[in-house]
Amino acid sequence: MEIKEAQTVVDTWIKKYGVRYFNEMTNMALLMEEVGEVARIMARRYGEQSEKESDKNKDLGEEMADVLFVLMCLANQTGVDLESALINNMKKKAIRDADRHMSNPKLKEI
């Protein structure tokens, strides 16, 4: 699915099941909550914290999809075309970081 299509799918879902979008500040808070859930899994599963029994069945992909859903809600509400924004952002990074990471001794293989 292309990003533009995904934004349309989210918009259709909101209108069919969600009644309306939460306001932008509520969605911003929800985005931070969802990012926190991803961070919790990452810290416990891949980081140094021990994973609690209650976290072992959490689906990282599902939590990441929650982040993407709320981000798309915010994009829809604010008129952002995420597909175009990502394309432009990647072009900017390619120019800005053309040699930056390749010449970083911290990233050289050990």
PDB file of N, CA and C in Angstrom:
ATOM      1  N   MET A   1       0.848  -1.181   0.000  1.00  0.00           N
ATOM      2  CA  MET A   1       0.000   0.000   0.000  1.00  0.00           C
ATOM      3  C   MET A   1       0.891   1.240   0.000  1.00  0.00           C
ATOM      4  N   GLU A   2       0.596   2.181  -0.841  1.00  0.00           N
ATOM      5  CA  GLU A   2       1.344   3.431  -0.884  1.00  0.00           C
ATOM      6  C   GLU A   2       0.911   4.323   0.279  1.00  0.00           C
ATOM      7  N   ILE A   3       1.754   5.257   0.644  1.00  0.00           N
ATOM      8  CA  ILE A   3       1.468   6.107   1.799  1.00  0.00           C
ATOM      9  C   ILE A   3       0.206   6.937   1.572  1.00  0.00           C
ATOM     10  N   LYS A   4       0.045   7.496   0.373  1.00  0.00           N
ATOM     11  CA  LYS A   4      -1.170   8.275   0.077  1.00  0.00           C
ATOM     12  C   LYS A   4      -2.413   7.425   0.274  1.00  0.00           C
ATOM     13  N   GLU A   5      -2.357   6.197  -0.194  1.00  0.00           N
ATOM     14  CA  GLU A   5      -3.485   5.288  -0.040  1.00  0.00           C
ATOM     15  C   GLU A   5      -3.734   4.991   1.437  1.00  0.00           C
ATOM     16  N   ALA A   6      -2.662   4.795   2.190  1.00  0.00           N
ATOM     17  CA  ALA A   6      -2.805   4.522   3.628  1.00  0.00           C
ATOM     18  C   ALA A   6      -3.472   5.699   4.343  1.00  0.00           C
ATOM     19  N   GLN A   7      -3.102   6.920   3.972  1.00  0.00           N
ATOM     20  CA  GLN A   7      -3.737   8.089   4.576  1.00  0.00           C
ATOM     21  C   GLN A   7      -5.236   8.109   4.260  1.00  0.00           C
ATOM     22  N   THR A   8      -5.594   7.707   3.047  1.00  0.00           N
ATOM     23  CA  THR A   8      -7.013   7.644   2.673  1.00  0.00           C
ATOM     24  C   THR A   8      -7.727   6.550   3.453  1.00  0.00           C
ATOM     25  N   VAL A   9      -7.077   5.400   3.629  1.00  0.00           N
ATOM     26  CA  VAL A   9      -7.659   4.294   4.398  1.00  0.00           C
ATOM     27  C   VAL A   9      -7.915   4.741   5.838  1.00  0.00           C
ATOM     28  N   VAL A  10      -6.962   5.433   6.422  1.00  0.00           N
ATOM     29  CA  VAL A  10      -7.130   5.939   7.795  1.00  0.00           C
ATOM     30  C   VAL A  10      -8.294   6.927   7.851  1.00  0.00           C
ATOM     31  N   ASP A  11      -8.358   7.838   6.891  1.00  0.00           N
ATOM     32  CA  ASP A  11      -9.431   8.829   6.858  1.00  0.00           C
ATOM     33  C   ASP A  11     -10.800   8.151   6.733  1.00  0.00           C
ATOM     34  N   THR A  12     -10.887   7.145   5.875  1.00  0.00           N
ATOM     35  CA  THR A  12     -12.141   6.403   5.705  1.00  0.00           C
ATOM     36  C   THR A  12     -12.530   5.698   6.999  1.00  0.00           C
ATOM     37  N   TRP A  13     -11.545   5.090   7.669  1.00  0.00           N
ATOM     38  CA  TRP A  13     -11.826   4.405   8.936  1.00  0.00           C
ATOM     39  C   TRP A  13     -12.351   5.391   9.971  1.00  0.00           C
ATOM     40  N   ILE A  14     -11.693   6.534  10.079  1.00  0.00           N
ATOM     41  CA  ILE A  14     -12.120   7.546  11.049  1.00  0.00           C
ATOM     42  C   ILE A  14     -13.570   7.943  10.790  1.00  0.00           C
ATOM     43  N   LYS A  15     -13.903   8.195   9.556  1.00  0.00           N
ATOM     44  CA  LYS A  15     -15.260   8.646   9.208  1.00  0.00           C
ATOM     45  C   LYS A  15     -16.296   7.545   9.402  1.00  0.00           C
ATOM     46  N   LYS A  16     -15.892   6.286   9.224  1.00  0.00           N
ATOM     47  CA  LYS A  16     -16.835   5.173   9.360  1.00  0.00           C
ATOM     48  C   LYS A  16     -16.989   4.703  10.806  1.00  0.00           C
ATOM     49  N   TYR A  17     -15.870   4.602  11.529  1.00  0.00           N
ATOM     50  CA  TYR A  17     -15.897   4.017  12.873  1.00  0.00           C
ATOM     51  C   TYR A  17     -15.557   4.997  13.988  1.00  0.00           C
ATOM     52  N   GLY A  18     -14.792   6.004  13.687  1.00  0.00           N
ATOM     53  CA  GLY A  18     -14.309   6.895  14.727  1.00  0.00           C
ATOM     54  C   GLY A  18     -15.166   8.135  14.929  1.00  0.00           C
ATOM     55  N   VAL A  19     -16.188   8.290  14.134  1.00  0.00           N
ATOM     56  CA  VAL A  19     -17.102   9.432  14.153  1.00  0.00           C
ATOM     57  C   VAL A  19     -16.419  10.682  13.615  1.00  0.00           C
ATOM     58  N   ARG A  20     -15.294  11.066  14.225  1.00  0.00           N
ATOM     59  CA  ARG A  20     -14.516  12.230  13.793  1.00  0.00           C
ATOM     60  C   ARG A  20     -13.113  12.077  14.356  1.00  0.00           C
ATOM     61  N   TYR A  21     -12.220  12.890  13.863  1.00  0.00           N
ATOM     62  CA  TYR A  21     -10.864  12.913  14.413  1.00  0.00           C
ATOM     63  C   TYR A  21     -10.899  13.541  15.802  1.00  0.00           C
ATOM     64  N   PHE A  22     -10.077  13.023  16.707  1.00  0.00           N
ATOM     65  CA  PHE A  22      -9.808  13.758  17.946  1.00  0.00           C
ATOM     66  C   PHE A  22      -9.096  15.032  17.535  1.00  0.00           C
ATOM     67  N   ASN A  23      -9.113  16.045  18.372  1.00  0.00           N
ATOM     68  CA  ASN A  23      -8.410  17.276  17.980  1.00  0.00           C
ATOM     69  C   ASN A  23      -6.904  17.011  17.910  1.00  0.00           C
ATOM     70  N   GLU A  24      -6.218  17.920  17.265  1.00  0.00           N
ATOM     71  CA  GLU A  24      -4.790  17.725  16.994  1.00  0.00           C
ATOM     72  C   GLU A  24      -3.964  17.533  18.261  1.00  0.00           C
ATOM     73  N   MET A  25      -4.268  18.271  19.296  1.00  0.00           N
ATOM     74  CA  MET A  25      -3.482  18.126  20.531  1.00  0.00           C
ATOM     75  C   MET A  25      -3.745  16.782  21.209  1.00  0.00           C
ATOM     76  N   THR A  26      -4.980  16.302  21.150  1.00  0.00           N
ATOM     77  CA  THR A  26      -5.278  14.973  21.694  1.00  0.00           C
ATOM     78  C   THR A  26      -4.525  13.913  20.895  1.00  0.00           C
ATOM     79  N   ASN A  27      -4.556  14.042  19.567  1.00  0.00           N
ATOM     80  CA  ASN A  27      -3.822  13.071  18.750  1.00  0.00           C
ATOM     81  C   ASN A  27      -2.323  13.158  18.977  1.00  0.00           C
ATOM     82  N   MET A  28      -1.816  14.359  19.237  1.00  0.00           N
ATOM     83  CA  MET A  28      -0.381  14.481  19.543  1.00  0.00           C
ATOM     84  C   MET A  28      -0.056  13.722  20.826  1.00  0.00           C
ATOM     85  N   ALA A  29      -0.900  13.861  21.830  1.00  0.00           N
ATOM     86  CA  ALA A  29      -0.697  13.130  23.086  1.00  0.00           C
ATOM     87  C   ALA A  29      -0.801  11.627  22.858  1.00  0.00           C
ATOM     88  N   LEU A  30      -1.763  11.209  22.029  1.00  0.00           N
ATOM     89  CA  LEU A  30      -1.907   9.785  21.719  1.00  0.00           C
ATOM     90  C   LEU A  30      -0.688   9.255  20.969  1.00  0.00           C
ATOM     91  N   LEU A  31      -0.129  10.073  20.079  1.00  0.00           N
ATOM     92  CA  LEU A  31       1.082   9.673  19.366  1.00  0.00           C
ATOM     93  C   LEU A  31       2.221   9.421  20.352  1.00  0.00           C
ATOM     94  N   MET A  32       2.383  10.316  21.304  1.00  0.00           N
ATOM     95  CA  MET A  32       3.448  10.138  22.297  1.00  0.00           C
ATOM     96  C   MET A  32       3.205   8.881  23.138  1.00  0.00           C
ATOM     97  N   GLU A  33       1.946   8.611  23.456  1.00  0.00           N
ATOM     98  CA  GLU A  33       1.607   7.405  24.205  1.00  0.00           C
ATOM     99  C   GLU A  33       1.984   6.155  23.411  1.00  0.00           C
ATOM    100  N   GLU A  34       1.652   6.155  22.134  1.00  0.00           N
ATOM    101  CA  GLU A  34       1.967   4.994  21.291  1.00  0.00           C
ATOM    102  C   GLU A  34       3.479   4.831  21.114  1.00  0.00           C
ATOM    103  N   VAL A  35       4.200   5.925  20.936  1.00  0.00           N
ATOM    104  CA  VAL A  35       5.663   5.860  20.839  1.00  0.00           C
ATOM    105  C   VAL A  35       6.235   5.295  22.142  1.00  0.00           C
ATOM    106  N   GLY A  36       5.649   5.678  23.255  1.00  0.00           N
ATOM    107  CA  GLY A  36       6.082   5.145  24.544  1.00  0.00           C
ATOM    108  C   GLY A  36       5.910   3.635  24.634  1.00  0.00           C
ATOM    109  N   GLU A  37       4.832   3.129  24.054  1.00  0.00           N
ATOM    110  CA  GLU A  37       4.609   1.680  24.064  1.00  0.00           C
ATOM    111  C   GLU A  37       5.667   0.964  23.223  1.00  0.00           C
ATOM    112  N   VAL A  38       6.036   1.558  22.095  1.00  0.00           N
ATOM    113  CA  VAL A  38       7.116   0.988  21.278  1.00  0.00           C
ATOM    114  C   VAL A  38       8.424   1.033  22.063  1.00  0.00           C
ATOM    115  N   ALA A  39       8.685   2.162  22.705  1.00  0.00           N
ATOM    116  CA  ALA A  39       9.919   2.322  23.479  1.00  0.00           C
ATOM    117  C   ALA A  39       9.998   1.294  24.609  1.00  0.00           C
ATOM    118  N   ARG A  40       8.887   1.029  25.249  1.00  0.00           N
ATOM    119  CA  ARG A  40       8.866   0.052  26.341  1.00  0.00           C
ATOM    120  C   ARG A  40       9.270  -1.332  25.834  1.00  0.00           C
ATOM    121  N   ILE A  41       8.698  -1.743  24.708  1.00  0.00           N
ATOM    122  CA  ILE A  41       9.047  -3.049  24.145  1.00  0.00           C
ATOM    123  C   ILE A  41      10.526  -3.075  23.752  1.00  0.00           C
ATOM    124  N   MET A  42      10.988  -2.030  23.077  1.00  0.00           N
ATOM    125  CA  MET A  42      12.377  -1.983  22.628  1.00  0.00           C
ATOM    126  C   MET A  42      13.346  -2.036  23.805  1.00  0.00           C
ATOM    127  N   ALA A  43      13.064  -1.270  24.857  1.00  0.00           N
ATOM    128  CA  ALA A  43      13.957  -1.218  26.015  1.00  0.00           C
ATOM    129  C   ALA A  43      14.038  -2.562  26.719  1.00  0.00           C
ATOM    130  N   ARG A  44      12.929  -3.273  26.735  1.00  0.00           N
ATOM    131  CA  ARG A  44      12.898  -4.539  27.471  1.00  0.00           C
ATOM    132  C   ARG A  44      13.310  -5.727  26.603  1.00  0.00           C
ATOM    133  N   ARG A  45      12.940  -5.698  25.348  1.00  0.00           N
ATOM    134  CA  ARG A  45      13.242  -6.834  24.472  1.00  0.00           C
ATOM    135  C   ARG A  45      14.628  -6.742  23.859  1.00  0.00           C
ATOM    136  N   TYR A  46      15.060  -5.529  23.523  1.00  0.00           N
ATOM    137  CA  TYR A  46      16.338  -5.352  22.828  1.00  0.00           C
ATOM    138  C   TYR A  46      17.359  -4.566  23.649  1.00  0.00           C
ATOM    139  N   GLY A  47      16.890  -3.896  24.676  1.00  0.00           N
ATOM    140  CA  GLY A  47      17.774  -3.112  25.518  1.00  0.00           C
ATOM    141  C   GLY A  47      18.198  -3.894  26.748  1.00  0.00           C
ATOM    142  N   GLU A  48      18.605  -3.178  27.745  1.00  0.00           N
ATOM    143  CA  GLU A  48      19.175  -3.802  28.937  1.00  0.00           C
ATOM    144  C   GLU A  48      18.165  -4.080  30.036  1.00  0.00           C
ATOM    145  N   GLN A  49      16.947  -3.552  29.902  1.00  0.00           N
ATOM    146  CA  GLN A  49      15.942  -3.853  30.916  1.00  0.00           C
ATOM    147  C   GLN A  49      15.431  -5.270  30.717  1.00  0.00           C
ATOM    148  N   SER A  50      15.048  -5.916  31.808  1.00  0.00           N
ATOM    149  CA  SER A  50      14.467  -7.251  31.683  1.00  0.00           C
ATOM    150  C   SER A  50      13.004  -7.105  31.262  1.00  0.00           C
ATOM    151  N   GLU A  51      12.572  -8.038  30.450  1.00  0.00           N
ATOM    152  CA  GLU A  51      11.207  -7.994  29.940  1.00  0.00           C
ATOM    153  C   GLU A  51      10.262  -8.591  30.968  1.00  0.00           C
ATOM    154  N   LYS A  52       9.244  -7.832  31.303  1.00  0.00           N
ATOM    155  CA  LYS A  52       8.239  -8.324  32.244  1.00  0.00           C
ATOM    156  C   LYS A  52       7.397  -9.388  31.550  1.00  0.00           C
ATOM    157  N   GLU A  53       6.887 -10.303  32.322  1.00  0.00           N
ATOM    158  CA  GLU A  53       6.056 -11.371  31.767  1.00  0.00           C
ATOM    159  C   GLU A  53       4.872 -10.793  30.990  1.00  0.00           C
ATOM    160  N   SER A  54       4.303  -9.709  31.501  1.00  0.00           N
ATOM    161  CA  SER A  54       3.144  -9.094  30.844  1.00  0.00           C
ATOM    162  C   SER A  54       3.495  -8.431  29.515  1.00  0.00           C
ATOM    163  N   ASP A  55       4.780  -8.181  29.269  1.00  0.00           N
ATOM    164  CA  ASP A  55       5.205  -7.547  28.018  1.00  0.00           C
ATOM    165  C   ASP A  55       5.630  -8.555  26.954  1.00  0.00           C
ATOM    166  N   LYS A  56       5.834  -9.804  27.334  1.00  0.00           N
ATOM    167  CA  LYS A  56       6.404 -10.790  26.415  1.00  0.00           C
ATOM    168  C   LYS A  56       5.495 -11.097  25.223  1.00  0.00           C
ATOM    169  N   ASN A  57       4.210 -10.917  25.380  1.00  0.00           N
ATOM    170  CA  ASN A  57       3.284 -11.206  24.276  1.00  0.00           C
ATOM    171  C   ASN A  57       2.925  -9.963  23.470  1.00  0.00           C
ATOM    172  N   LYS A  58       3.526  -8.827  23.786  1.00  0.00           N
ATOM    173  CA  LYS A  58       3.238  -7.600  23.046  1.00  0.00           C
ATOM    174  C   LYS A  58       3.825  -7.719  21.643  1.00  0.00           C
ATOM    175  N   ASP A  59       3.061  -7.295  20.666  1.00  0.00           N
ATOM    176  CA  ASP A  59       3.467  -7.371  19.269  1.00  0.00           C
ATOM    177  C   ASP A  59       4.073  -6.037  18.856  1.00  0.00           C
ATOM    178  N   LEU A  60       5.386  -6.017  18.626  1.00  0.00           N
ATOM    179  CA  LEU A  60       6.086  -4.788  18.267  1.00  0.00           C
ATOM    180  C   LEU A  60       5.521  -4.186  16.981  1.00  0.00           C
ATOM    181  N   GLY A  61       5.234  -5.019  16.002  1.00  0.00           N
ATOM    182  CA  GLY A  61       4.672  -4.533  14.749  1.00  0.00           C
ATOM    183  C   GLY A  61       3.326  -3.854  14.948  1.00  0.00           C
ATOM    184  N   GLU A  62       2.507  -4.422  15.791  1.00  0.00           N
ATOM    185  CA  GLU A  62       1.197  -3.827  16.084  1.00  0.00           C
ATOM    186  C   GLU A  62       1.360  -2.466  16.751  1.00  0.00           C
ATOM    187  N   GLU A  63       2.303  -2.375  17.665  1.00  0.00           N
ATOM    188  CA  GLU A  63       2.533  -1.095  18.349  1.00  0.00           C
ATOM    189  C   GLU A  63       3.094  -0.055  17.377  1.00  0.00           C
ATOM    190  N   MET A  64       3.977  -0.478  16.472  1.00  0.00           N
ATOM    191  CA  MET A  64       4.489   0.448  15.459  1.00  0.00           C
ATOM    192  C   MET A  64       3.368   0.903  14.528  1.00  0.00           C
ATOM    193  N   ALA A  65       2.454  -0.014  14.201  1.00  0.00           N
ATOM    194  CA  ALA A  65       1.315   0.342  13.357  1.00  0.00           C
ATOM    195  C   ALA A  65       0.417   1.356  14.055  1.00  0.00           C
ATOM    196  N   ASP A  66       0.282   1.250  15.377  1.00  0.00           N
ATOM    197  CA  ASP A  66      -0.483   2.250  16.133  1.00  0.00           C
ATOM    198  C   ASP A  66       0.147   3.630  15.990  1.00  0.00           C
ATOM    199  N   VAL A  67       1.483   3.681  16.053  1.00  0.00           N
ATOM    200  CA  VAL A  67       2.198   4.952  15.868  1.00  0.00           C
ATOM    201  C   VAL A  67       1.894   5.512  14.476  1.00  0.00           C
ATOM    202  N   LEU A  68       1.993   4.661  13.476  1.00  0.00           N
ATOM    203  CA  LEU A  68       1.759   5.083  12.102  1.00  0.00           C
ATOM    204  C   LEU A  68       0.323   5.569  11.907  1.00  0.00           C
ATOM    205  N   PHE A  69      -0.633   4.879  12.497  1.00  0.00           N
ATOM    206  CA  PHE A  69      -2.040   5.267  12.395  1.00  0.00           C
ATOM    207  C   PHE A  69      -2.263   6.676  12.941  1.00  0.00           C
ATOM    208  N   VAL A  70      -1.773   6.932  14.142  1.00  0.00           N
ATOM    209  CA  VAL A  70      -1.987   8.253  14.755  1.00  0.00           C
ATOM    210  C   VAL A  70      -1.211   9.322  13.990  1.00  0.00           C
ATOM    211  N   LEU A  71      -0.011   8.995  13.515  1.00  0.00           N
ATOM    212  CA  LEU A  71       0.746   9.946  12.703  1.00  0.00           C
ATOM    213  C   LEU A  71      -0.029  10.301  11.435  1.00  0.00           C
ATOM    214  N   MET A  72      -0.656   9.320  10.821  1.00  0.00           N
ATOM    215  CA  MET A  72      -1.457   9.584   9.630  1.00  0.00           C
ATOM    216  C   MET A  72      -2.701  10.396   9.954  1.00  0.00           C
ATOM    217  N   CYS A  73      -3.274  10.166  11.112  1.00  0.00           N
ATOM    218  CA  CYS A  73      -4.398  11.013  11.542  1.00  0.00           C
ATOM    219  C   CYS A  73      -3.948  12.467  11.610  1.00  0.00           C
ATOM    220  N   LEU A  74      -2.819  12.706  12.253  1.00  0.00           N
ATOM    221  CA  LEU A  74      -2.300  14.077  12.362  1.00  0.00           C
ATOM    222  C   LEU A  74      -1.989  14.667  10.985  1.00  0.00           C
ATOM    223  N   ALA A  75      -1.414  13.864  10.107  1.00  0.00           N
ATOM    224  CA  ALA A  75      -1.113  14.348   8.759  1.00  0.00           C
ATOM    225  C   ALA A  75      -2.406  14.721   8.035  1.00  0.00           C
ATOM    226  N   ASN A  76      -3.416  13.877   8.134  1.00  0.00           N
ATOM    227  CA  ASN A  76      -4.696  14.172   7.498  1.00  0.00           C
ATOM    228  C   ASN A  76      -5.309  15.451   8.050  1.00  0.00           C
ATOM    229  N   GLN A  77      -5.245  15.620   9.349  1.00  0.00           N
ATOM    230  CA  GLN A  77      -5.834  16.794   9.987  1.00  0.00           C
ATOM    231  C   GLN A  77      -5.132  18.090   9.615  1.00  0.00           C
ATOM    232  N   THR A  78      -3.833  18.002   9.371  1.00  0.00           N
ATOM    233  CA  THR A  78      -3.049  19.213   9.127  1.00  0.00           C
ATOM    234  C   THR A  78      -2.718  19.415   7.651  1.00  0.00           C
ATOM    235  N   GLY A  79      -3.263  18.549   6.803  1.00  0.00           N
ATOM    236  CA  GLY A  79      -3.069  18.700   5.372  1.00  0.00           C
ATOM    237  C   GLY A  79      -1.695  18.302   4.864  1.00  0.00           C
ATOM    238  N   VAL A  80      -1.020  17.422   5.581  1.00  0.00           N
ATOM    239  CA  VAL A  80       0.315  16.977   5.171  1.00  0.00           C
ATOM    240  C   VAL A  80       0.193  15.722   4.317  1.00  0.00           C
ATOM    241  N   ASP A  81       0.795  15.761   3.149  1.00  0.00           N
ATOM    242  CA  ASP A  81       0.913  14.593   2.278  1.00  0.00           C
ATOM    243  C   ASP A  81       2.207  13.897   2.692  1.00  0.00           C
ATOM    244  N   LEU A  82       2.074  12.842   3.491  1.00  0.00           N
ATOM    245  CA  LEU A  82       3.257  12.170   4.036  1.00  0.00           C
ATOM    246  C   LEU A  82       4.129  11.553   2.958  1.00  0.00           C
ATOM    247  N   GLU A  83       3.529  11.083   1.893  1.00  0.00           N
ATOM    248  CA  GLU A  83       4.324  10.477   0.818  1.00  0.00           C
ATOM    249  C   GLU A  83       5.249  11.520   0.187  1.00  0.00           C
ATOM    250  N   SER A  84       4.703  12.678  -0.159  1.00  0.00           N
ATOM    251  CA  SER A  84       5.529  13.754  -0.722  1.00  0.00           C
ATOM    252  C   SER A  84       6.550  14.243   0.288  1.00  0.00           C
ATOM    253  N   ALA A  85       6.121  14.366   1.546  1.00  0.00           N
ATOM    254  CA  ALA A  85       7.030  14.842   2.587  1.00  0.00           C
ATOM    255  C   ALA A  85       8.201  13.879   2.760  1.00  0.00           C
ATOM    256  N   LEU A  86       7.934  12.582   2.721  1.00  0.00           N
ATOM    257  CA  LEU A  86       9.004  11.594   2.876  1.00  0.00           C
ATOM    258  C   LEU A  86       9.952  11.615   1.677  1.00  0.00           C
ATOM    259  N   ILE A  87       9.387  11.712   0.489  1.00  0.00           N
ATOM    260  CA  ILE A  87      10.233  11.785  -0.713  1.00  0.00           C
ATOM    261  C   ILE A  87      11.160  12.998  -0.630  1.00  0.00           C
ATOM    262  N   ASN A  88      10.609  14.150  -0.291  1.00  0.00           N
ATOM    263  CA  ASN A  88      11.415  15.371  -0.170  1.00  0.00           C
ATOM    264  C   ASN A  88      12.443  15.249   0.944  1.00  0.00           C
ATOM    265  N   ASN A  89      12.065  14.634   2.043  1.00  0.00           N
ATOM    266  CA  ASN A  89      12.971  14.462   3.170  1.00  0.00           C
ATOM    267  C   ASN A  89      14.142  13.558   2.801  1.00  0.00           C
ATOM    268  N   MET A  90      13.865  12.488   2.045  1.00  0.00           N
ATOM    269  CA  MET A  90      14.931  11.576   1.628  1.00  0.00           C
ATOM    270  C   MET A  90      15.893  12.266   0.670  1.00  0.00           C
ATOM    271  N   LYS A  91      15.363  13.106  -0.216  1.00  0.00           N
ATOM    272  CA  LYS A  91      16.232  13.865  -1.124  1.00  0.00           C
ATOM    273  C   LYS A  91      17.137  14.797  -0.325  1.00  0.00           C
ATOM    274  N   LYS A  92      16.563  15.486   0.650  1.00  0.00           N
ATOM    275  CA  LYS A  92      17.332  16.400   1.493  1.00  0.00           C
ATOM    276  C   LYS A  92      18.437  15.653   2.232  1.00  0.00           C
ATOM    277  N   LYS A  93      18.094  14.507   2.802  1.00  0.00           N
ATOM    278  CA  LYS A  93      19.077  13.715   3.550  1.00  0.00           C
ATOM    279  C   LYS A  93      20.199  13.219   2.627  1.00  0.00           C
ATOM    280  N   ALA A  94      19.841  12.828   1.401  1.00  0.00           N
ATOM    281  CA  ALA A  94      20.841  12.319   0.461  1.00  0.00           C
ATOM    282  C   ALA A  94      21.881  13.390   0.135  1.00  0.00           C
ATOM    283  N   ILE A  95      21.435  14.636   0.036  1.00  0.00           N
ATOM    284  CA  ILE A  95      22.367  15.741  -0.246  1.00  0.00           C
ATOM    285  C   ILE A  95      23.145  16.102   1.019  1.00  0.00           C
ATOM    286  N   ARG A  96      22.431  16.315   2.090  1.00  0.00           N
ATOM    287  CA  ARG A  96      23.051  16.761   3.340  1.00  0.00           C
ATOM    288  C   ARG A  96      24.014  15.723   3.911  1.00  0.00           C
ATOM    289  N   ASP A  97      23.653  14.477   3.820  1.00  0.00           N
ATOM    290  CA  ASP A  97      24.426  13.421   4.473  1.00  0.00           C
ATOM    291  C   ASP A  97      25.206  12.557   3.484  1.00  0.00           C
ATOM    292  N   ALA A  98      25.458  13.084   2.285  1.00  0.00           N
ATOM    293  CA  ALA A  98      26.120  12.294   1.240  1.00  0.00           C
ATOM    294  C   ALA A  98      27.392  11.619   1.745  1.00  0.00           C
ATOM    295  N   ASP A  99      28.213  12.331   2.488  1.00  0.00           N
ATOM    296  CA  ASP A  99      29.466  11.758   2.988  1.00  0.00           C
ATOM    297  C   ASP A  99      29.520  11.672   4.514  1.00  0.00           C
ATOM    298  N   ARG A 100      28.564  12.277   5.157  1.00  0.00           N
ATOM    299  CA  ARG A 100      28.604  12.424   6.618  1.00  0.00           C
ATOM    300  C   ARG A 100      28.774  11.090   7.348  1.00  0.00           C
ATOM    301  N   HIS A 101      27.946  10.129   7.048  1.00  0.00           N
ATOM    302  CA  HIS A 101      27.992   8.867   7.792  1.00  0.00           C
ATOM    303  C   HIS A 101      29.137   7.970   7.321  1.00  0.00           C
ATOM    304  N   MET A 102      29.449   8.042   6.034  1.00  0.00           N
ATOM    305  CA  MET A 102      30.532   7.221   5.498  1.00  0.00           C
ATOM    306  C   MET A 102      31.884   7.636   6.081  1.00  0.00           C
ATOM    307  N   SER A 103      32.016   8.910   6.436  1.00  0.00           N
ATOM    308  CA  SER A 103      33.283   9.382   6.982  1.00  0.00           C
ATOM    309  C   SER A 103      33.291   9.435   8.514  1.00  0.00           C
ATOM    310  N   ASN A 104      32.262   8.910   9.124  1.00  0.00           N
ATOM    311  CA  ASN A 104      32.179   8.899  10.583  1.00  0.00           C
ATOM    312  C   ASN A 104      32.919   7.681  11.130  1.00  0.00           C
ATOM    313  N   PRO A 105      34.036   7.902  11.816  1.00  0.00           N
ATOM    314  CA  PRO A 105      34.811   6.761  12.322  1.00  0.00           C
ATOM    315  C   PRO A 105      34.041   5.944  13.369  1.00  0.00           C
ATOM    316  N   LYS A 106      33.050   6.550  13.980  1.00  0.00           N
ATOM    317  CA  LYS A 106      32.256   5.829  14.977  1.00  0.00           C
ATOM    318  C   LYS A 106      31.394   4.739  14.325  1.00  0.00           C
ATOM    319  N   LEU A 107      31.150   4.872  13.025  1.00  0.00           N
ATOM    320  CA  LEU A 107      30.294   3.913  12.336  1.00  0.00           C
ATOM    321  C   LEU A 107      31.073   2.865  11.569  1.00  0.00           C
ATOM    322  N   LYS A 108      32.381   2.943  11.600  1.00  0.00           N
ATOM    323  CA  LYS A 108      33.208   1.955  10.903  1.00  0.00           C
ATOM    324  C   LYS A 108      33.032   0.602  11.572  1.00  0.00           C
ATOM    325  N   GLU A 109      33.074  -0.418  10.760  1.00  0.00           N
ATOM    326  CA  GLU A 109      32.921  -1.762  11.318  1.00  0.00           C
ATOM    327  C   GLU A 109      34.051  -2.067  12.297  1.00  0.00           C
ATOM    328  N   ILE A 110      33.699  -2.789  13.301  1.00  0.00           N
ATOM    329  CA  ILE A 110      34.670  -3.154  14.341  1.00  0.00           C
ATOM    330  C   ILE A 110      35.252  -4.510  14.031  1.00  0.00           C
TER     331      ILE A 110
END
